[in-house]
Amino acid sequence: MISGKLCLLKSKINTTYLFRFKRAFYVILLYGLLIGFGCFPILPFNKSIEIKVFSLITTLIYLFLIYGSLKLFYKHFQFEKKLFISKS
């Protein structure tokens, strides 16, 4: 994700995909930090089934956000490539 962000800083073309990727990047970064600090444990040691389900749902949402963000990143570069081909 961070390498994608660095690649997009070099991009001269602003697209909707780029705008949405930038917004999603900060949400994913915040979410990752919260998981890293233990606010949303991935493997809870609690016996409560509700806490385990909540942790599973939180982790799945995080993975879904990463997947969606990488898809936006890929679509931006596809669009940029099409523009480059059409200009030549």
PDB file of N, CA and C in Angstrom:
ATOM      1  N   MET A   1       0.817  -1.187   0.000  1.00  0.00           N
ATOM      2  CA  MET A   1       0.000   0.000   0.000  1.00  0.00           C
ATOM      3  C   MET A   1       0.866   1.259   0.000  1.00  0.00           C
ATOM      4  N   ILE A   2       1.924   1.224   0.785  1.00  0.00           N
ATOM      5  CA  ILE A   2       2.776   2.408   0.863  1.00  0.00           C
ATOM      6  C   ILE A   2       3.525   2.607  -0.449  1.00  0.00           C
ATOM      7  N   SER A   3       3.973   1.502  -1.066  1.00  0.00           N
ATOM      8  CA  SER A   3       4.656   1.640  -2.355  1.00  0.00           C
ATOM      9  C   SER A   3       3.691   2.153  -3.426  1.00  0.00           C
ATOM     10  N   GLY A   4       2.427   1.746  -3.343  1.00  0.00           N
ATOM     11  CA  GLY A   4       1.414   2.269  -4.264  1.00  0.00           C
ATOM     12  C   GLY A   4       1.224   3.761  -4.081  1.00  0.00           C
ATOM     13  N   LYS A   5       1.216   4.197  -2.839  1.00  0.00           N
ATOM     14  CA  LYS A   5       1.073   5.623  -2.547  1.00  0.00           C
ATOM     15  C   LYS A   5       2.257   6.408  -3.109  1.00  0.00           C
ATOM     16  N   LEU A   6       3.462   5.850  -2.978  1.00  0.00           N
ATOM     17  CA  LEU A   6       4.640   6.529  -3.506  1.00  0.00           C
ATOM     18  C   LEU A   6       4.613   6.590  -5.031  1.00  0.00           C
ATOM     19  N   CYS A   7       4.134   5.538  -5.677  1.00  0.00           N
ATOM     20  CA  CYS A   7       4.023   5.550  -7.145  1.00  0.00           C
ATOM     21  C   CYS A   7       3.006   6.585  -7.607  1.00  0.00           C
ATOM     22  N   LEU A   8       1.948   6.741  -6.866  1.00  0.00           N
ATOM     23  CA  LEU A   8       0.909   7.686  -7.265  1.00  0.00           C
ATOM     24  C   LEU A   8       1.335   9.139  -7.070  1.00  0.00           C
ATOM     25  N   LEU A   9       2.313   9.369  -6.214  1.00  0.00           N
ATOM     26  CA  LEU A   9       2.813  10.734  -6.058  1.00  0.00           C
ATOM     27  C   LEU A   9       3.489  11.221  -7.339  1.00  0.00           C
ATOM     28  N   LYS A  10       4.049  10.285  -8.122  1.00  0.00           N
ATOM     29  CA  LYS A  10       4.709  10.639  -9.376  1.00  0.00           C
ATOM     30  C   LYS A  10       3.714  10.833 -10.512  1.00  0.00           C
ATOM     31  N   SER A  11       2.494  10.391 -10.328  1.00  0.00           N
ATOM     32  CA  SER A  11       1.497  10.452 -11.389  1.00  0.00           C
ATOM     33  C   SER A  11       1.105  11.898 -11.668  1.00  0.00           C
ATOM     34  N   LYS A  12       1.080  12.237 -12.953  1.00  0.00           N
ATOM     35  CA  LYS A  12       0.732  13.599 -13.356  1.00  0.00           C
ATOM     36  C   LYS A  12      -0.745  13.741 -13.686  1.00  0.00           C
ATOM     37  N   ILE A  13      -1.434  12.623 -13.839  1.00  0.00           N
ATOM     38  CA  ILE A  13      -2.838  12.635 -14.227  1.00  0.00           C
ATOM     39  C   ILE A  13      -3.700  12.385 -12.995  1.00  0.00           C
ATOM     40  N   ASN A  14      -4.663  13.262 -12.763  1.00  0.00           N
ATOM     41  CA  ASN A  14      -5.597  13.076 -11.654  1.00  0.00           C
ATOM     42  C   ASN A  14      -6.862  12.414 -12.177  1.00  0.00           C
ATOM     43  N   THR A  15      -7.173  11.266 -11.618  1.00  0.00           N
ATOM     44  CA  THR A  15      -8.382  10.547 -12.001  1.00  0.00           C
ATOM     45  C   THR A  15      -9.241  10.330 -10.764  1.00  0.00           C
ATOM     46  N   THR A  16     -10.449   9.879 -10.990  1.00  0.00           N
ATOM     47  CA  THR A  16     -11.333   9.542  -9.876  1.00  0.00           C
ATOM     48  C   THR A  16     -10.755   8.385  -9.078  1.00  0.00           C
ATOM     49  N   TYR A  17     -10.123   7.444  -9.780  1.00  0.00           N
ATOM     50  CA  TYR A  17      -9.514   6.302  -9.100  1.00  0.00           C
ATOM     51  C   TYR A  17      -8.412   6.762  -8.156  1.00  0.00           C
ATOM     52  N   LEU A  18      -7.621   7.729  -8.612  1.00  0.00           N
ATOM     53  CA  LEU A  18      -6.546   8.259  -7.783  1.00  0.00           C
ATOM     54  C   LEU A  18      -7.110   8.959  -6.550  1.00  0.00           C
ATOM     55  N   PHE A  19      -8.139   9.751  -6.738  1.00  0.00           N
ATOM     56  CA  PHE A  19      -8.770  10.459  -5.626  1.00  0.00           C
ATOM     57  C   PHE A  19      -9.320   9.476  -4.589  1.00  0.00           C
ATOM     58  N   ARG A  20     -10.014   8.449  -5.064  1.00  0.00           N
ATOM     59  CA  ARG A  20     -10.586   7.458  -4.145  1.00  0.00           C
ATOM     60  C   ARG A  20      -9.501   6.634  -3.463  1.00  0.00           C
ATOM     61  N   PHE A  21      -8.406   6.329  -4.182  1.00  0.00           N
ATOM     62  CA  PHE A  21      -7.298   5.588  -3.582  1.00  0.00           C
ATOM     63  C   PHE A  21      -6.664   6.397  -2.463  1.00  0.00           C
ATOM     64  N   LYS A  22      -6.470   7.691  -2.701  1.00  0.00           N
ATOM     65  CA  LYS A  22      -5.863   8.542  -1.673  1.00  0.00           C
ATOM     66  C   LYS A  22      -6.720   8.577  -0.407  1.00  0.00           C
ATOM     67  N   ARG A  23      -8.036   8.678  -0.583  1.00  0.00           N
ATOM     68  CA  ARG A  23      -8.926   8.713   0.584  1.00  0.00           C
ATOM     69  C   ARG A  23      -8.929   7.373   1.305  1.00  0.00           C
ATOM     70  N   ALA A  24      -8.959   6.283   0.552  1.00  0.00           N
ATOM     71  CA  ALA A  24      -8.985   4.954   1.160  1.00  0.00           C
ATOM     72  C   ALA A  24      -7.657   4.632   1.836  1.00  0.00           C
ATOM     73  N   PHE A  25      -6.563   5.183   1.335  1.00  0.00           N
ATOM     74  CA  PHE A  25      -5.247   4.906   1.906  1.00  0.00           C
ATOM     75  C   PHE A  25      -5.188   5.321   3.373  1.00  0.00           C
ATOM     76  N   TYR A  26      -5.699   6.498   3.685  1.00  0.00           N
ATOM     77  CA  TYR A  26      -5.639   6.981   5.062  1.00  0.00           C
ATOM     78  C   TYR A  26      -6.549   6.175   5.984  1.00  0.00           C
ATOM     79  N   VAL A  27      -7.680   5.730   5.479  1.00  0.00           N
ATOM     80  CA  VAL A  27      -8.576   4.883   6.281  1.00  0.00           C
ATOM     81  C   VAL A  27      -7.905   3.548   6.571  1.00  0.00           C
ATOM     82  N   ILE A  28      -7.272   2.969   5.554  1.00  0.00           N
ATOM     83  CA  ILE A  28      -6.593   1.687   5.730  1.00  0.00           C
ATOM     84  C   ILE A  28      -5.412   1.837   6.679  1.00  0.00           C
ATOM     85  N   LEU A  29      -4.689   2.933   6.564  1.00  0.00           N
ATOM     86  CA  LEU A  29      -3.561   3.177   7.454  1.00  0.00           C
ATOM     87  C   LEU A  29      -4.028   3.285   8.903  1.00  0.00           C
ATOM     88  N   LEU A  30      -5.095   4.025   9.140  1.00  0.00           N
ATOM     89  CA  LEU A  30      -5.640   4.157  10.486  1.00  0.00           C
ATOM     90  C   LEU A  30      -6.132   2.815  11.014  1.00  0.00           C
ATOM     91  N   TYR A  31      -6.846   2.089  10.184  1.00  0.00           N
ATOM     92  CA  TYR A  31      -7.367   0.775  10.554  1.00  0.00           C
ATOM     93  C   TYR A  31      -6.217  -0.173  10.910  1.00  0.00           C
ATOM     94  N   GLY A  32      -5.160  -0.165  10.097  1.00  0.00           N
ATOM     95  CA  GLY A  32      -4.002  -1.019  10.352  1.00  0.00           C
ATOM     96  C   GLY A  32      -3.301  -0.671  11.653  1.00  0.00           C
ATOM     97  N   LEU A  33      -3.194   0.622  11.938  1.00  0.00           N
ATOM     98  CA  LEU A  33      -2.582   1.034  13.202  1.00  0.00           C
ATOM     99  C   LEU A  33      -3.423   0.592  14.397  1.00  0.00           C
ATOM    100  N   LEU A  34      -4.745   0.707  14.279  1.00  0.00           N
ATOM    101  CA  LEU A  34      -5.612   0.273  15.375  1.00  0.00           C
ATOM    102  C   LEU A  34      -5.508  -1.233  15.602  1.00  0.00           C
ATOM    103  N   ILE A  35      -5.414  -1.998  14.527  1.00  0.00           N
ATOM    104  CA  ILE A  35      -5.233  -3.447  14.677  1.00  0.00           C
ATOM    105  C   ILE A  35      -3.863  -3.732  15.281  1.00  0.00           C
ATOM    106  N   GLY A  36      -2.840  -3.003  14.832  1.00  0.00           N
ATOM    107  CA  GLY A  36      -1.488  -3.198  15.346  1.00  0.00           C
ATOM    108  C   GLY A  36      -1.346  -2.869  16.820  1.00  0.00           C
ATOM    109  N   PHE A  37      -2.056  -1.857  17.285  1.00  0.00           N
ATOM    110  CA  PHE A  37      -1.993  -1.484  18.696  1.00  0.00           C
ATOM    111  C   PHE A  37      -2.879  -2.348  19.578  1.00  0.00           C
ATOM    112  N   GLY A  38      -3.670  -3.217  18.979  1.00  0.00           N
ATOM    113  CA  GLY A  38      -4.478  -4.148  19.760  1.00  0.00           C
ATOM    114  C   GLY A  38      -5.894  -3.697  20.036  1.00  0.00           C
ATOM    115  N   CYS A  39      -6.347  -2.636  19.404  1.00  0.00           N
ATOM    116  CA  CYS A  39      -7.732  -2.195  19.608  1.00  0.00           C
ATOM    117  C   CYS A  39      -8.714  -3.192  19.008  1.00  0.00           C
ATOM    118  N   PHE A  40      -8.317  -3.825  17.909  1.00  0.00           N
ATOM    119  CA  PHE A  40      -9.124  -4.859  17.265  1.00  0.00           C
ATOM    120  C   PHE A  40      -8.252  -6.106  17.140  1.00  0.00           C
ATOM    121  N   PRO A  41      -8.184  -6.940  18.175  1.00  0.00           N
ATOM    122  CA  PRO A  41      -7.295  -8.103  18.105  1.00  0.00           C
ATOM    123  C   PRO A  41      -7.742  -9.088  17.026  1.00  0.00           C
ATOM    124  N   ILE A  42      -6.780  -9.585  16.268  1.00  0.00           N
ATOM    125  CA  ILE A  42      -7.084 -10.540  15.211  1.00  0.00           C
ATOM    126  C   ILE A  42      -7.391 -11.908  15.814  1.00  0.00           C
ATOM    127  N   LEU A  43      -6.618 -12.306  16.797  1.00  0.00           N
ATOM    128  CA  LEU A  43      -6.845 -13.577  17.483  1.00  0.00           C
ATOM    129  C   LEU A  43      -7.149 -13.296  18.958  1.00  0.00           C
ATOM    130  N   PRO A  44      -8.385 -13.008  19.292  1.00  0.00           N
ATOM    131  CA  PRO A  44      -8.705 -12.690  20.691  1.00  0.00           C
ATOM    132  C   PRO A  44      -8.610 -13.936  21.565  1.00  0.00           C
ATOM    133  N   PHE A  45      -8.129 -13.745  22.776  1.00  0.00           N
ATOM    134  CA  PHE A  45      -7.997 -14.850  23.720  1.00  0.00           C
ATOM    135  C   PHE A  45      -9.188 -14.922  24.663  1.00  0.00           C
ATOM    136  N   ASN A  46     -10.204 -14.142  24.382  1.00  0.00           N
ATOM    137  CA  ASN A  46     -11.410 -14.139  25.190  1.00  0.00           C
ATOM    138  C   ASN A  46     -12.291 -15.316  24.781  1.00  0.00           C
ATOM    139  N   LYS A  47     -13.044 -15.860  25.732  1.00  0.00           N
ATOM    140  CA  LYS A  47     -13.914 -17.000  25.436  1.00  0.00           C
ATOM    141  C   LYS A  47     -15.264 -16.567  24.883  1.00  0.00           C
ATOM    142  N   SER A  48     -15.548 -15.286  24.912  1.00  0.00           N
ATOM    143  CA  SER A  48     -16.830 -14.780  24.440  1.00  0.00           C
ATOM    144  C   SER A  48     -16.912 -14.897  22.920  1.00  0.00           C
ATOM    145  N   ILE A  49     -17.963 -15.531  22.445  1.00  0.00           N
ATOM    146  CA  ILE A  49     -18.141 -15.727  21.005  1.00  0.00           C
ATOM    147  C   ILE A  49     -18.427 -14.404  20.303  1.00  0.00           C
ATOM    148  N   GLU A  50     -19.076 -13.447  20.988  1.00  0.00           N
ATOM    149  CA  GLU A  50     -19.376 -12.157  20.379  1.00  0.00           C
ATOM    150  C   GLU A  50     -18.098 -11.384  20.060  1.00  0.00           C
ATOM    151  N   ILE A  51     -17.133 -11.434  20.966  1.00  0.00           N
ATOM    152  CA  ILE A  51     -15.875 -10.725  20.748  1.00  0.00           C
ATOM    153  C   ILE A  51     -15.100 -11.373  19.605  1.00  0.00           C
ATOM    154  N   LYS A  52     -15.125 -12.698  19.533  1.00  0.00           N
ATOM    155  CA  LYS A  52     -14.426 -13.391  18.449  1.00  0.00           C
ATOM    156  C   LYS A  52     -15.060 -13.083  17.098  1.00  0.00           C
ATOM    157  N   VAL A  53     -16.376 -13.032  17.044  1.00  0.00           N
ATOM    158  CA  VAL A  53     -17.068 -12.717  15.790  1.00  0.00           C
ATOM    159  C   VAL A  53     -16.774 -11.278  15.385  1.00  0.00           C
ATOM    160  N   PHE A  54     -16.796 -10.350  16.346  1.00  0.00           N
ATOM    161  CA  PHE A  54     -16.494  -8.952  16.057  1.00  0.00           C
ATOM    162  C   PHE A  54     -15.075  -8.807  15.512  1.00  0.00           C
ATOM    163  N   SER A  55     -14.118  -9.510  16.106  1.00  0.00           N
ATOM    164  CA  SER A  55     -12.739  -9.443  15.628  1.00  0.00           C
ATOM    165  C   SER A  55     -12.610 -10.020  14.225  1.00  0.00           C
ATOM    166  N   LEU A  56     -13.326 -11.087  13.947  1.00  0.00           N
ATOM    167  CA  LEU A  56     -13.300 -11.680  12.612  1.00  0.00           C
ATOM    168  C   LEU A  56     -13.896 -10.727  11.578  1.00  0.00           C
ATOM    169  N   ILE A  57     -15.017 -10.117  11.911  1.00  0.00           N
ATOM    170  CA  ILE A  57     -15.660  -9.173  10.990  1.00  0.00           C
ATOM    171  C   ILE A  57     -14.755  -7.964  10.745  1.00  0.00           C
ATOM    172  N   THR A  58     -14.118  -7.464  11.786  1.00  0.00           N
ATOM    173  CA  THR A  58     -13.211  -6.324  11.651  1.00  0.00           C
ATOM    174  C   THR A  58     -12.045  -6.658  10.725  1.00  0.00           C
ATOM    175  N   THR A  59     -11.478  -7.836  10.893  1.00  0.00           N
ATOM    176  CA  THR A  59     -10.365  -8.256  10.050  1.00  0.00           C
ATOM    177  C   THR A  59     -10.801  -8.428   8.602  1.00  0.00           C
ATOM    178  N   LEU A  60     -11.972  -9.000   8.378  1.00  0.00           N
ATOM    179  CA  LEU A  60     -12.468  -9.181   7.016  1.00  0.00           C
ATOM    180  C   LEU A  60     -12.752  -7.840   6.338  1.00  0.00           C
ATOM    181  N   ILE A  61     -13.276  -6.891   7.084  1.00  0.00           N
ATOM    182  CA  ILE A  61     -13.512  -5.552   6.524  1.00  0.00           C
ATOM    183  C   ILE A  61     -12.185  -4.907   6.134  1.00  0.00           C
ATOM    184  N   TYR A  62     -11.175  -5.076   6.974  1.00  0.00           N
ATOM    185  CA  TYR A  62      -9.850  -4.529   6.678  1.00  0.00           C
ATOM    186  C   TYR A  62      -9.290  -5.126   5.387  1.00  0.00           C
ATOM    187  N   LEU A  63      -9.398  -6.437   5.239  1.00  0.00           N
ATOM    188  CA  LEU A  63      -8.916  -7.094   4.020  1.00  0.00           C
ATOM    189  C   LEU A  63      -9.711  -6.650   2.796  1.00  0.00           C
ATOM    190  N   PHE A  64     -11.009  -6.461   2.955  1.00  0.00           N
ATOM    191  CA  PHE A  64     -11.845  -5.984   1.858  1.00  0.00           C
ATOM    192  C   PHE A  64     -11.442  -4.571   1.437  1.00  0.00           C
ATOM    193  N   LEU A  65     -11.133  -3.712   2.403  1.00  0.00           N
ATOM    194  CA  LEU A  65     -10.684  -2.350   2.092  1.00  0.00           C
ATOM    195  C   LEU A  65      -9.361  -2.358   1.329  1.00  0.00           C
ATOM    196  N   ILE A  66      -8.448  -3.229   1.741  1.00  0.00           N
ATOM    197  CA  ILE A  66      -7.166  -3.328   1.045  1.00  0.00           C
ATOM    198  C   ILE A  66      -7.378  -3.798  -0.387  1.00  0.00           C
ATOM    199  N   TYR A  67      -8.213  -4.812  -0.570  1.00  0.00           N
ATOM    200  CA  TYR A  67      -8.484  -5.336  -1.911  1.00  0.00           C
ATOM    201  C   TYR A  67      -9.102  -4.254  -2.802  1.00  0.00           C
ATOM    202  N   GLY A  68     -10.080  -3.547  -2.286  1.00  0.00           N
ATOM    203  CA  GLY A  68     -10.728  -2.492  -3.063  1.00  0.00           C
ATOM    204  C   GLY A  68      -9.770  -1.373  -3.417  1.00  0.00           C
ATOM    205  N   SER A  69      -8.896  -1.031  -2.493  1.00  0.00           N
ATOM    206  CA  SER A  69      -7.940   0.040  -2.738  1.00  0.00           C
ATOM    207  C   SER A  69      -6.923  -0.365  -3.806  1.00  0.00           C
ATOM    208  N   LEU A  70      -6.461  -1.595  -3.752  1.00  0.00           N
ATOM    209  CA  LEU A  70      -5.517  -2.059  -4.764  1.00  0.00           C
ATOM    210  C   LEU A  70      -6.169  -2.152  -6.140  1.00  0.00           C
ATOM    211  N   LYS A  71      -7.458  -2.456  -6.161  1.00  0.00           N
ATOM    212  CA  LYS A  71      -8.187  -2.479  -7.422  1.00  0.00           C
ATOM    213  C   LYS A  71      -8.263  -1.070  -8.021  1.00  0.00           C
ATOM    214  N   LEU A  72      -8.501  -0.069  -7.191  1.00  0.00           N
ATOM    215  CA  LEU A  72      -8.511   1.321  -7.659  1.00  0.00           C
ATOM    216  C   LEU A  72      -7.139   1.733  -8.188  1.00  0.00           C
ATOM    217  N   PHE A  73      -6.107   1.308  -7.498  1.00  0.00           N
ATOM    218  CA  PHE A  73      -4.731   1.588  -7.914  1.00  0.00           C
ATOM    219  C   PHE A  73      -4.465   1.004  -9.302  1.00  0.00           C
ATOM    220  N   TYR A  74      -4.893  -0.220  -9.518  1.00  0.00           N
ATOM    221  CA  TYR A  74      -4.704  -0.889 -10.806  1.00  0.00           C
ATOM    222  C   TYR A  74      -5.503  -0.193 -11.914  1.00  0.00           C
ATOM    223  N   LYS A  75      -6.741   0.198 -11.616  1.00  0.00           N
ATOM    224  CA  LYS A  75      -7.572   0.867 -12.622  1.00  0.00           C
ATOM    225  C   LYS A  75      -6.994   2.226 -13.009  1.00  0.00           C
ATOM    226  N   HIS A  76      -6.399   2.922 -12.055  1.00  0.00           N
ATOM    227  CA  HIS A  76      -5.774   4.210 -12.357  1.00  0.00           C
ATOM    228  C   HIS A  76      -4.651   4.023 -13.373  1.00  0.00           C
ATOM    229  N   PHE A  77      -3.817   3.022 -13.157  1.00  0.00           N
ATOM    230  CA  PHE A  77      -2.712   2.821 -14.083  1.00  0.00           C
ATOM    231  C   PHE A  77      -3.172   2.277 -15.426  1.00  0.00           C
ATOM    232  N   GLN A  78      -4.245   1.526 -15.465  1.00  0.00           N
ATOM    233  CA  GLN A  78      -4.817   1.113 -16.741  1.00  0.00           C
ATOM    234  C   GLN A  78      -5.287   2.338 -17.526  1.00  0.00           C
ATOM    235  N   PHE A  79      -5.974   3.242 -16.850  1.00  0.00           N
ATOM    236  CA  PHE A  79      -6.468   4.459 -17.493  1.00  0.00           C
ATOM    237  C   PHE A  79      -5.311   5.326 -17.978  1.00  0.00           C
ATOM    238  N   GLU A  80      -4.287   5.444 -17.151  1.00  0.00           N
ATOM    239  CA  GLU A  80      -3.118   6.233 -17.523  1.00  0.00           C
ATOM    240  C   GLU A  80      -2.425   5.622 -18.748  1.00  0.00           C
ATOM    241  N   LYS A  81      -2.360   4.308 -18.806  1.00  0.00           N
ATOM    242  CA  LYS A  81      -1.749   3.624 -19.947  1.00  0.00           C
ATOM    243  C   LYS A  81      -2.564   3.861 -21.219  1.00  0.00           C
ATOM    244  N   LYS A  82      -3.896   3.824 -21.115  1.00  0.00           N
ATOM    245  CA  LYS A  82      -4.749   4.083 -22.277  1.00  0.00           C
ATOM    246  C   LYS A  82      -4.545   5.505 -22.793  1.00  0.00           C
ATOM    247  N   LEU A  83      -4.421   6.461 -21.894  1.00  0.00           N
ATOM    248  CA  LEU A  83      -4.181   7.843 -22.313  1.00  0.00           C
ATOM    249  C   LEU A  83      -2.829   7.988 -22.995  1.00  0.00           C
ATOM    250  N   PHE A  84      -1.835   7.302 -22.476  1.00  0.00           N
ATOM    251  CA  PHE A  84      -0.502   7.370 -23.065  1.00  0.00           C
ATOM    252  C   PHE A  84      -0.498   6.764 -24.466  1.00  0.00           C
ATOM    253  N   ILE A  85      -1.210   5.650 -24.642  1.00  0.00           N
ATOM    254  CA  ILE A  85      -1.282   4.999 -25.954  1.00  0.00           C
ATOM    255  C   ILE A  85      -2.048   5.874 -26.944  1.00  0.00           C
ATOM    256  N   SER A  86      -3.118   6.503 -26.487  1.00  0.00           N
ATOM    257  CA  SER A  86      -3.919   7.329 -27.400  1.00  0.00           C
ATOM    258  C   SER A  86      -3.189   8.614 -27.810  1.00  0.00           C
ATOM    259  N   LYS A  87      -2.278   9.096 -26.985  1.00  0.00           N
ATOM    260  CA  LYS A  87      -1.520  10.306 -27.325  1.00  0.00           C
ATOM    261  C   LYS A  87      -0.454  10.027 -28.375  1.00  0.00           C
ATOM    262  N   SER A  88       0.058   8.784 -28.411  1.00  0.00           N
ATOM    263  CA  SER A  88       1.121   8.494 -29.378  1.00  0.00           C
ATOM    264  C   SER A  88       0.616   8.077 -30.722  1.00  0.00           C
TER     265      SER A  88
END
